[in-house]
Amino acid sequence: MAYMRTGALALHEPGSPGQHVAFRVSEEERAELARRLEAEGVDHEERDHGIAVGLFFHDPDGRLVEAITYRSGEDPRRP
């Protein structure tokens, strides 16, 4: 994991969700996004990562996007 000032670049292990862009959101923001995706008929999936919950969906260009909520509010692996 490489951290930057306002985000991180995740380099996943084999068997991971693959290349994607992730944005940290609150639980409320993730729930609202899921509601909106559902209302628009956009396929989405929530995955429990243990330290966080991610909501995955594809943008209109087919890119995999994740809205992630860390249980502690921050990624506990962050230095």
PDB file of N, CA and C in Angstrom:
ATOM      1  N   MET A   1       0.853  -1.162   0.000  1.00  0.00           N
ATOM      2  CA  MET A   1       0.000   0.000   0.000  1.00  0.00           C
ATOM      3  C   MET A   1       0.900   1.225   0.000  1.00  0.00           C
ATOM      4  N   ALA A   2       0.683   2.126  -0.885  1.00  0.00           N
ATOM      5  CA  ALA A   2       1.423   3.374  -0.935  1.00  0.00           C
ATOM      6  C   ALA A   2       0.470   4.506  -0.566  1.00  0.00           C
ATOM      7  N   TYR A   3       0.816   5.293   0.432  1.00  0.00           N
ATOM      8  CA  TYR A   3      -0.048   6.365   0.894  1.00  0.00           C
ATOM      9  C   TYR A   3       0.406   7.700   0.344  1.00  0.00           C
ATOM     10  N   MET A   4      -0.561   8.512   0.011  1.00  0.00           N
ATOM     11  CA  MET A   4      -0.312   9.874  -0.434  1.00  0.00           C
ATOM     12  C   MET A   4      -1.018  10.799   0.548  1.00  0.00           C
ATOM     13  N   ARG A   5      -0.942  12.053   0.325  1.00  0.00           N
ATOM     14  CA  ARG A   5      -1.523  12.999   1.280  1.00  0.00           C
ATOM     15  C   ARG A   5      -3.009  12.747   1.536  1.00  0.00           C
ATOM     16  N   THR A   6      -3.793  12.529   0.503  1.00  0.00           N
ATOM     17  CA  THR A   6      -5.236  12.377   0.684  1.00  0.00           C
ATOM     18  C   THR A   6      -5.770  11.026   0.244  1.00  0.00           C
ATOM     19  N   GLY A   7      -4.919  10.086  -0.055  1.00  0.00           N
ATOM     20  CA  GLY A   7      -5.413   8.801  -0.517  1.00  0.00           C
ATOM     21  C   GLY A   7      -4.337   7.747  -0.486  1.00  0.00           C
ATOM     22  N   ALA A   8      -4.584   6.672  -1.199  1.00  0.00           N
ATOM     23  CA  ALA A   8      -3.647   5.563  -1.219  1.00  0.00           C
ATOM     24  C   ALA A   8      -3.754   4.840  -2.548  1.00  0.00           C
ATOM     25  N   LEU A   9      -2.696   4.182  -2.930  1.00  0.00           N
ATOM     26  CA  LEU A   9      -2.670   3.321  -4.101  1.00  0.00           C
ATOM     27  C   LEU A   9      -2.546   1.902  -3.577  1.00  0.00           C
ATOM     28  N   ALA A  10      -3.525   1.077  -3.856  1.00  0.00           N
ATOM     29  CA  ALA A  10      -3.518  -0.297  -3.355  1.00  0.00           C
ATOM     30  C   ALA A  10      -2.940  -1.228  -4.415  1.00  0.00           C
ATOM     31  N   LEU A  11      -1.969  -2.014  -4.055  1.00  0.00           N
ATOM     32  CA  LEU A  11      -1.410  -3.055  -4.912  1.00  0.00           C
ATOM     33  C   LEU A  11      -1.876  -4.378  -4.324  1.00  0.00           C
ATOM     34  N   HIS A  12      -2.859  -4.998  -4.966  1.00  0.00           N
ATOM     35  CA  HIS A  12      -3.521  -6.166  -4.403  1.00  0.00           C
ATOM     36  C   HIS A  12      -2.790  -7.461  -4.707  1.00  0.00           C
ATOM     37  N   GLU A  13      -2.987  -8.421  -3.830  1.00  0.00           N
ATOM     38  CA  GLU A  13      -2.451  -9.766  -3.990  1.00  0.00           C
ATOM     39  C   GLU A  13      -3.288 -10.524  -5.028  1.00  0.00           C
ATOM     40  N   PRO A  14      -2.755 -11.638  -5.573  1.00  0.00           N
ATOM     41  CA  PRO A  14      -3.559 -12.466  -6.482  1.00  0.00           C
ATOM     42  C   PRO A  14      -4.863 -12.884  -5.795  1.00  0.00           C
ATOM     43  N   GLY A  15      -5.927 -12.951  -6.567  1.00  0.00           N
ATOM     44  CA  GLY A  15      -7.232 -13.317  -6.022  1.00  0.00           C
ATOM     45  C   GLY A  15      -7.998 -12.123  -5.477  1.00  0.00           C
ATOM     46  N   SER A  16      -7.435 -10.944  -5.603  1.00  0.00           N
ATOM     47  CA  SER A  16      -8.071  -9.724  -5.121  1.00  0.00           C
ATOM     48  C   SER A  16      -9.112  -9.259  -6.137  1.00  0.00           C
ATOM     49  N   PRO A  17      -9.791  -8.143  -5.853  1.00  0.00           N
ATOM     50  CA  PRO A  17     -10.793  -7.665  -6.797  1.00  0.00           C
ATOM     51  C   PRO A  17     -10.225  -7.153  -8.117  1.00  0.00           C
ATOM     52  N   GLY A  18      -8.927  -7.097  -8.259  1.00  0.00           N
ATOM     53  CA  GLY A  18      -8.331  -6.622  -9.494  1.00  0.00           C
ATOM     54  C   GLY A  18      -8.116  -5.117  -9.478  1.00  0.00           C
ATOM     55  N   GLN A  19      -7.685  -4.595 -10.624  1.00  0.00           N
ATOM     56  CA  GLN A  19      -7.395  -3.167 -10.714  1.00  0.00           C
ATOM     57  C   GLN A  19      -8.676  -2.372 -10.526  1.00  0.00           C
ATOM     58  N   HIS A  20      -8.612  -1.389  -9.652  1.00  0.00           N
ATOM     59  CA  HIS A  20      -9.760  -0.520  -9.438  1.00  0.00           C
ATOM     60  C   HIS A  20      -9.326   0.749  -8.737  1.00  0.00           C
ATOM     61  N   VAL A  21     -10.217   1.711  -8.760  1.00  0.00           N
ATOM     62  CA  VAL A  21     -10.012   2.967  -8.049  1.00  0.00           C
ATOM     63  C   VAL A  21     -10.915   2.929  -6.823  1.00  0.00           C
ATOM     64  N   ALA A  22     -10.372   3.350  -5.676  1.00  0.00           N
ATOM     65  CA  ALA A  22     -11.176   3.343  -4.441  1.00  0.00           C
ATOM     66  C   ALA A  22     -11.204   4.734  -3.835  1.00  0.00           C
ATOM     67  N   PHE A  23     -12.359   5.059  -3.265  1.00  0.00           N
ATOM     68  CA  PHE A  23     -12.551   6.321  -2.573  1.00  0.00           C
ATOM     69  C   PHE A  23     -13.061   6.026  -1.170  1.00  0.00           C
ATOM     70  N   ARG A  24     -12.458   6.670  -0.174  1.00  0.00           N
ATOM     71  CA  ARG A  24     -12.912   6.479   1.209  1.00  0.00           C
ATOM     72  C   ARG A  24     -14.167   7.310   1.429  1.00  0.00           C
ATOM     73  N   VAL A  25     -15.194   6.667   1.993  1.00  0.00           N
ATOM     74  CA  VAL A  25     -16.466   7.328   2.278  1.00  0.00           C
ATOM     75  C   VAL A  25     -16.939   6.925   3.670  1.00  0.00           C
ATOM     76  N   SER A  26     -17.870   7.679   4.215  1.00  0.00           N
ATOM     77  CA  SER A  26     -18.474   7.333   5.500  1.00  0.00           C
ATOM     78  C   SER A  26     -19.507   6.221   5.286  1.00  0.00           C
ATOM     79  N   GLU A  27     -19.957   5.614   6.365  1.00  0.00           N
ATOM     80  CA  GLU A  27     -21.008   4.595   6.261  1.00  0.00           C
ATOM     81  C   GLU A  27     -22.263   5.176   5.623  1.00  0.00           C
ATOM     82  N   GLU A  28     -22.603   6.388   6.008  1.00  0.00           N
ATOM     83  CA  GLU A  28     -23.797   7.032   5.473  1.00  0.00           C
ATOM     84  C   GLU A  28     -23.655   7.286   3.973  1.00  0.00           C
ATOM     85  N   GLU A  29     -22.490   7.741   3.552  1.00  0.00           N
ATOM     86  CA  GLU A  29     -22.251   7.982   2.127  1.00  0.00           C
ATOM     87  C   GLU A  29     -22.304   6.685   1.333  1.00  0.00           C
ATOM     88  N   ARG A  30     -21.737   5.602   1.894  1.00  0.00           N
ATOM     89  CA  ARG A  30     -21.757   4.307   1.217  1.00  0.00           C
ATOM     90  C   ARG A  30     -23.194   3.800   1.086  1.00  0.00           C
ATOM     91  N   ALA A  31     -23.994   3.947   2.136  1.00  0.00           N
ATOM     92  CA  ALA A  31     -25.391   3.510   2.101  1.00  0.00           C
ATOM     93  C   ALA A  31     -26.191   4.314   1.077  1.00  0.00           C
ATOM     94  N   GLU A  32     -25.961   5.628   1.014  1.00  0.00           N
ATOM     95  CA  GLU A  32     -26.661   6.478   0.052  1.00  0.00           C
ATOM     96  C   GLU A  32     -26.247   6.118  -1.375  1.00  0.00           C
ATOM     97  N   LEU A  33     -24.965   5.858  -1.591  1.00  0.00           N
ATOM     98  CA  LEU A  33     -24.491   5.457  -2.913  1.00  0.00           C
ATOM     99  C   LEU A  33     -25.139   4.137  -3.320  1.00  0.00           C
ATOM    100  N   ALA A  34     -25.204   3.175  -2.408  1.00  0.00           N
ATOM    101  CA  ALA A  34     -25.839   1.887  -2.711  1.00  0.00           C
ATOM    102  C   ALA A  34     -27.307   2.096  -3.083  1.00  0.00           C
ATOM    103  N   ARG A  35     -27.987   2.979  -2.366  1.00  0.00           N
ATOM    104  CA  ARG A  35     -29.396   3.265  -2.649  1.00  0.00           C
ATOM    105  C   ARG A  35     -29.546   3.853  -4.052  1.00  0.00           C
ATOM    106  N   ARG A  36     -28.671   4.796  -4.389  1.00  0.00           N
ATOM    107  CA  ARG A  36     -28.741   5.428  -5.709  1.00  0.00           C
ATOM    108  C   ARG A  36     -28.409   4.451  -6.833  1.00  0.00           C
ATOM    109  N   LEU A  37     -27.391   3.620  -6.622  1.00  0.00           N
ATOM    110  CA  LEU A  37     -27.049   2.619  -7.633  1.00  0.00           C
ATOM    111  C   LEU A  37     -28.225   1.673  -7.857  1.00  0.00           C
ATOM    112  N   GLU A  38     -28.840   1.246  -6.767  1.00  0.00           N
ATOM    113  CA  GLU A  38     -30.011   0.357  -6.841  1.00  0.00           C
ATOM    114  C   GLU A  38     -31.139   1.031  -7.626  1.00  0.00           C
ATOM    115  N   ALA A  39     -31.426   2.293  -7.316  1.00  0.00           N
ATOM    116  CA  ALA A  39     -32.508   3.030  -7.979  1.00  0.00           C
ATOM    117  C   ALA A  39     -32.259   3.171  -9.478  1.00  0.00           C
ATOM    118  N   GLU A  40     -30.978   3.263  -9.866  1.00  0.00           N
ATOM    119  CA  GLU A  40     -30.625   3.420 -11.280  1.00  0.00           C
ATOM    120  C   GLU A  40     -30.416   2.079 -11.990  1.00  0.00           C
ATOM    121  N   GLY A  41     -30.542   0.979 -11.249  1.00  0.00           N
ATOM    122  CA  GLY A  41     -30.375  -0.335 -11.850  1.00  0.00           C
ATOM    123  C   GLY A  41     -28.931  -0.702 -12.143  1.00  0.00           C
ATOM    124  N   VAL A  42     -27.986  -0.087 -11.412  1.00  0.00           N
ATOM    125  CA  VAL A  42     -26.563  -0.367 -11.606  1.00  0.00           C
ATOM    126  C   VAL A  42     -26.158  -1.527 -10.694  1.00  0.00           C
ATOM    127  N   ASP A  43     -25.589  -2.566 -11.279  1.00  0.00           N
ATOM    128  CA  ASP A  43     -25.112  -3.704 -10.485  1.00  0.00           C
ATOM    129  C   ASP A  43     -24.034  -3.235  -9.523  1.00  0.00           C
ATOM    130  N   HIS A  44     -24.096  -3.727  -8.299  1.00  0.00           N
ATOM    131  CA  HIS A  44     -23.097  -3.385  -7.284  1.00  0.00           C
ATOM    132  C   HIS A  44     -23.027  -4.520  -6.275  1.00  0.00           C
ATOM    133  N   GLU A  45     -21.924  -4.549  -5.556  1.00  0.00           N
ATOM    134  CA  GLU A  45     -21.690  -5.624  -4.577  1.00  0.00           C
ATOM    135  C   GLU A  45     -20.921  -5.052  -3.396  1.00  0.00           C
ATOM    136  N   GLU A  46     -21.360  -5.399  -2.203  1.00  0.00           N
ATOM    137  CA  GLU A  46     -20.631  -4.990  -1.012  1.00  0.00           C
ATOM    138  C   GLU A  46     -19.760  -6.158  -0.546  1.00  0.00           C
ATOM    139  N   ARG A  47     -18.518  -5.851  -0.197  1.00  0.00           N
ATOM    140  CA  ARG A  47     -17.577  -6.886   0.272  1.00  0.00           C
ATOM    141  C   ARG A  47     -16.980  -6.457   1.604  1.00  0.00           C
ATOM    142  N   ASP A  48     -16.922  -7.405   2.521  1.00  0.00           N
ATOM    143  CA  ASP A  48     -16.344  -7.151   3.841  1.00  0.00           C
ATOM    144  C   ASP A  48     -14.866  -7.515   3.789  1.00  0.00           C
ATOM    145  N   HIS A  49     -13.997  -6.538   4.023  1.00  0.00           N
ATOM    146  CA  HIS A  49     -12.550  -6.749   4.007  1.00  0.00           C
ATOM    147  C   HIS A  49     -11.987  -6.982   5.413  1.00  0.00           C
ATOM    148  N   GLY A  50     -12.848  -7.090   6.421  1.00  0.00           N
ATOM    149  CA  GLY A  50     -12.371  -7.228   7.797  1.00  0.00           C
ATOM    150  C   GLY A  50     -12.151  -5.864   8.426  1.00  0.00           C
ATOM    151  N   ILE A  51     -11.182  -5.132   7.934  1.00  0.00           N
ATOM    152  CA  ILE A  51     -10.889  -3.797   8.469  1.00  0.00           C
ATOM    153  C   ILE A  51     -11.766  -2.725   7.842  1.00  0.00           C
ATOM    154  N   ALA A  52     -12.491  -3.112   6.764  1.00  0.00           N
ATOM    155  CA  ALA A  52     -13.305  -2.149   6.032  1.00  0.00           C
ATOM    156  C   ALA A  52     -14.392  -2.881   5.257  1.00  0.00           C
ATOM    157  N   VAL A  53     -15.361  -2.092   4.781  1.00  0.00           N
ATOM    158  CA  VAL A  53     -16.407  -2.611   3.894  1.00  0.00           C
ATOM    159  C   VAL A  53     -16.337  -1.809   2.607  1.00  0.00           C
ATOM    160  N   GLY A  54     -16.304  -2.515   1.487  1.00  0.00           N
ATOM    161  CA  GLY A  54     -16.229  -1.855   0.188  1.00  0.00           C
ATOM    162  C   GLY A  54     -17.479  -2.092  -0.635  1.00  0.00           C
ATOM    163  N   LEU A  55     -17.926  -1.068  -1.321  1.00  0.00           N
ATOM    164  CA  LEU A  55     -19.038  -1.164  -2.257  1.00  0.00           C
ATOM    165  C   LEU A  55     -18.450  -1.049  -3.654  1.00  0.00           C
ATOM    166  N   PHE A  56     -18.565  -2.108  -4.442  1.00  0.00           N
ATOM    167  CA  PHE A  56     -17.965  -2.169  -5.778  1.00  0.00           C
ATOM    168  C   PHE A  56     -19.030  -2.007  -6.858  1.00  0.00           C
ATOM    169  N   PHE A  57     -18.684  -1.253  -7.896  1.00  0.00           N
ATOM    170  CA  PHE A  57     -19.546  -1.087  -9.056  1.00  0.00           C
ATOM    171  C   PHE A  57     -18.679  -0.644 -10.228  1.00  0.00           C
ATOM    172  N   HIS A  58     -19.228  -0.694 -11.437  1.00  0.00           N
ATOM    173  CA  HIS A  58     -18.492  -0.243 -12.625  1.00  0.00           C
ATOM    174  C   HIS A  58     -19.024   1.112 -13.058  1.00  0.00           C
ATOM    175  N   ASP A  59     -18.104   2.017 -13.408  1.00  0.00           N
ATOM    176  CA  ASP A  59     -18.521   3.329 -13.915  1.00  0.00           C
ATOM    177  C   ASP A  59     -19.009   3.159 -15.360  1.00  0.00           C
ATOM    178  N   PRO A  60     -19.563   4.216 -15.962  1.00  0.00           N
ATOM    179  CA  PRO A  60     -20.093   4.088 -17.332  1.00  0.00           C
ATOM    180  C   PRO A  60     -19.068   3.644 -18.374  1.00  0.00           C
ATOM    181  N   ASP A  61     -17.776   3.837 -18.098  1.00  0.00           N
ATOM    182  CA  ASP A  61     -16.730   3.394 -19.025  1.00  0.00           C
ATOM    183  C   ASP A  61     -16.222   1.998 -18.708  1.00  0.00           C
ATOM    184  N   GLY A  62     -16.828   1.344 -17.712  1.00  0.00           N
ATOM    185  CA  GLY A  62     -16.459  -0.030 -17.377  1.00  0.00           C
ATOM    186  C   GLY A  62     -15.374  -0.180 -16.340  1.00  0.00           C
ATOM    187  N   ARG A  63     -14.887   0.931 -15.765  1.00  0.00           N
ATOM    188  CA  ARG A  63     -13.849   0.841 -14.728  1.00  0.00           C
ATOM    189  C   ARG A  63     -14.459   0.375 -13.413  1.00  0.00           C
ATOM    190  N   LEU A  64     -13.738  -0.498 -12.716  1.00  0.00           N
ATOM    191  CA  LEU A  64     -14.187  -0.950 -11.404  1.00  0.00           C
ATOM    192  C   LEU A  64     -13.879   0.128 -10.371  1.00  0.00           C
ATOM    193  N   VAL A  65     -14.897   0.508  -9.604  1.00  0.00           N
ATOM    194  CA  VAL A  65     -14.782   1.544  -8.586  1.00  0.00           C
ATOM    195  C   VAL A  65     -15.207   0.954  -7.251  1.00  0.00           C
ATOM    196  N   GLU A  66     -14.513   1.383  -6.177  1.00  0.00           N
ATOM    197  CA  GLU A  66     -14.870   0.939  -4.827  1.00  0.00           C
ATOM    198  C   GLU A  66     -15.068   2.160  -3.940  1.00  0.00           C
ATOM    199  N   ALA A  67     -16.171   2.174  -3.218  1.00  0.00           N
ATOM    200  CA  ALA A  67     -16.399   3.157  -2.158  1.00  0.00           C
ATOM    201  C   ALA A  67     -16.148   2.399  -0.862  1.00  0.00           C
ATOM    202  N   ILE A  68     -15.092   2.765  -0.124  1.00  0.00           N
ATOM    203  CA  ILE A  68     -14.649   1.980   1.029  1.00  0.00           C
ATOM    204  C   ILE A  68     -14.814   2.758   2.328  1.00  0.00           C
ATOM    205  N   THR A  69     -15.285   2.042   3.337  1.00  0.00           N
ATOM    206  CA  THR A  69     -15.462   2.617   4.671  1.00  0.00           C
ATOM    207  C   THR A  69     -14.633   1.797   5.657  1.00  0.00           C
ATOM    208  N   TYR A  70     -13.636   2.441   6.268  1.00  0.00           N
ATOM    209  CA  TYR A  70     -12.825   1.756   7.276  1.00  0.00           C
ATOM    210  C   TYR A  70     -13.558   1.760   8.599  1.00  0.00           C
ATOM    211  N   ARG A  71     -13.584   0.617   9.271  1.00  0.00           N
ATOM    212  CA  ARG A  71     -14.323   0.495  10.528  1.00  0.00           C
ATOM    213  C   ARG A  71     -13.819   1.470  11.592  1.00  0.00           C
ATOM    214  N   SER A  72     -12.527   1.743  11.605  1.00  0.00           N
ATOM    215  CA  SER A  72     -11.965   2.656  12.605  1.00  0.00           C
ATOM    216  C   SER A  72     -11.975   4.107  12.126  1.00  0.00           C
ATOM    217  N   GLY A  73     -12.449   4.340  10.899  1.00  0.00           N
ATOM    218  CA  GLY A  73     -12.428   5.675  10.323  1.00  0.00           C
ATOM    219  C   GLY A  73     -11.196   5.917   9.471  1.00  0.00           C
ATOM    220  N   GLU A  74     -10.111   5.233   9.746  1.00  0.00           N
ATOM    221  CA  GLU A  74      -8.859   5.329   8.999  1.00  0.00           C
ATOM    222  C   GLU A  74      -8.341   3.929   8.724  1.00  0.00           C
ATOM    223  N   ASP A  75      -7.561   3.787   7.692  1.00  0.00           N
ATOM    224  CA  ASP A  75      -6.913   2.499   7.411  1.00  0.00           C
ATOM    225  C   ASP A  75      -5.900   2.250   8.517  1.00  0.00           C
ATOM    226  N   PRO A  76      -6.082   1.194   9.323  1.00  0.00           N
ATOM    227  CA  PRO A  76      -5.152   0.960  10.437  1.00  0.00           C
ATOM    228  C   PRO A  76      -3.740   0.599   9.992  1.00  0.00           C
ATOM    229  N   ARG A  77      -3.559   0.290   8.717  1.00  0.00           N
ATOM    230  CA  ARG A  77      -2.213  -0.025   8.215  1.00  0.00           C
ATOM    231  C   ARG A  77      -1.455   1.221   7.833  1.00  0.00           C
ATOM    232  N   ARG A  78      -2.121   2.358   7.827  1.00  0.00           N
ATOM    233  CA  ARG A  78      -1.489   3.614   7.391  1.00  0.00           C
ATOM    234  C   ARG A  78      -0.428   4.040   8.408  1.00  0.00           C
ATOM    235  N   PRO A  79       0.775   4.335   7.921  1.00  0.00           N
ATOM    236  CA  PRO A  79       1.837   4.739   8.848  1.00  0.00           C
ATOM    237  C   PRO A  79       1.563   6.102   9.473  1.00  0.00           C
TER     238      PRO A  79
END
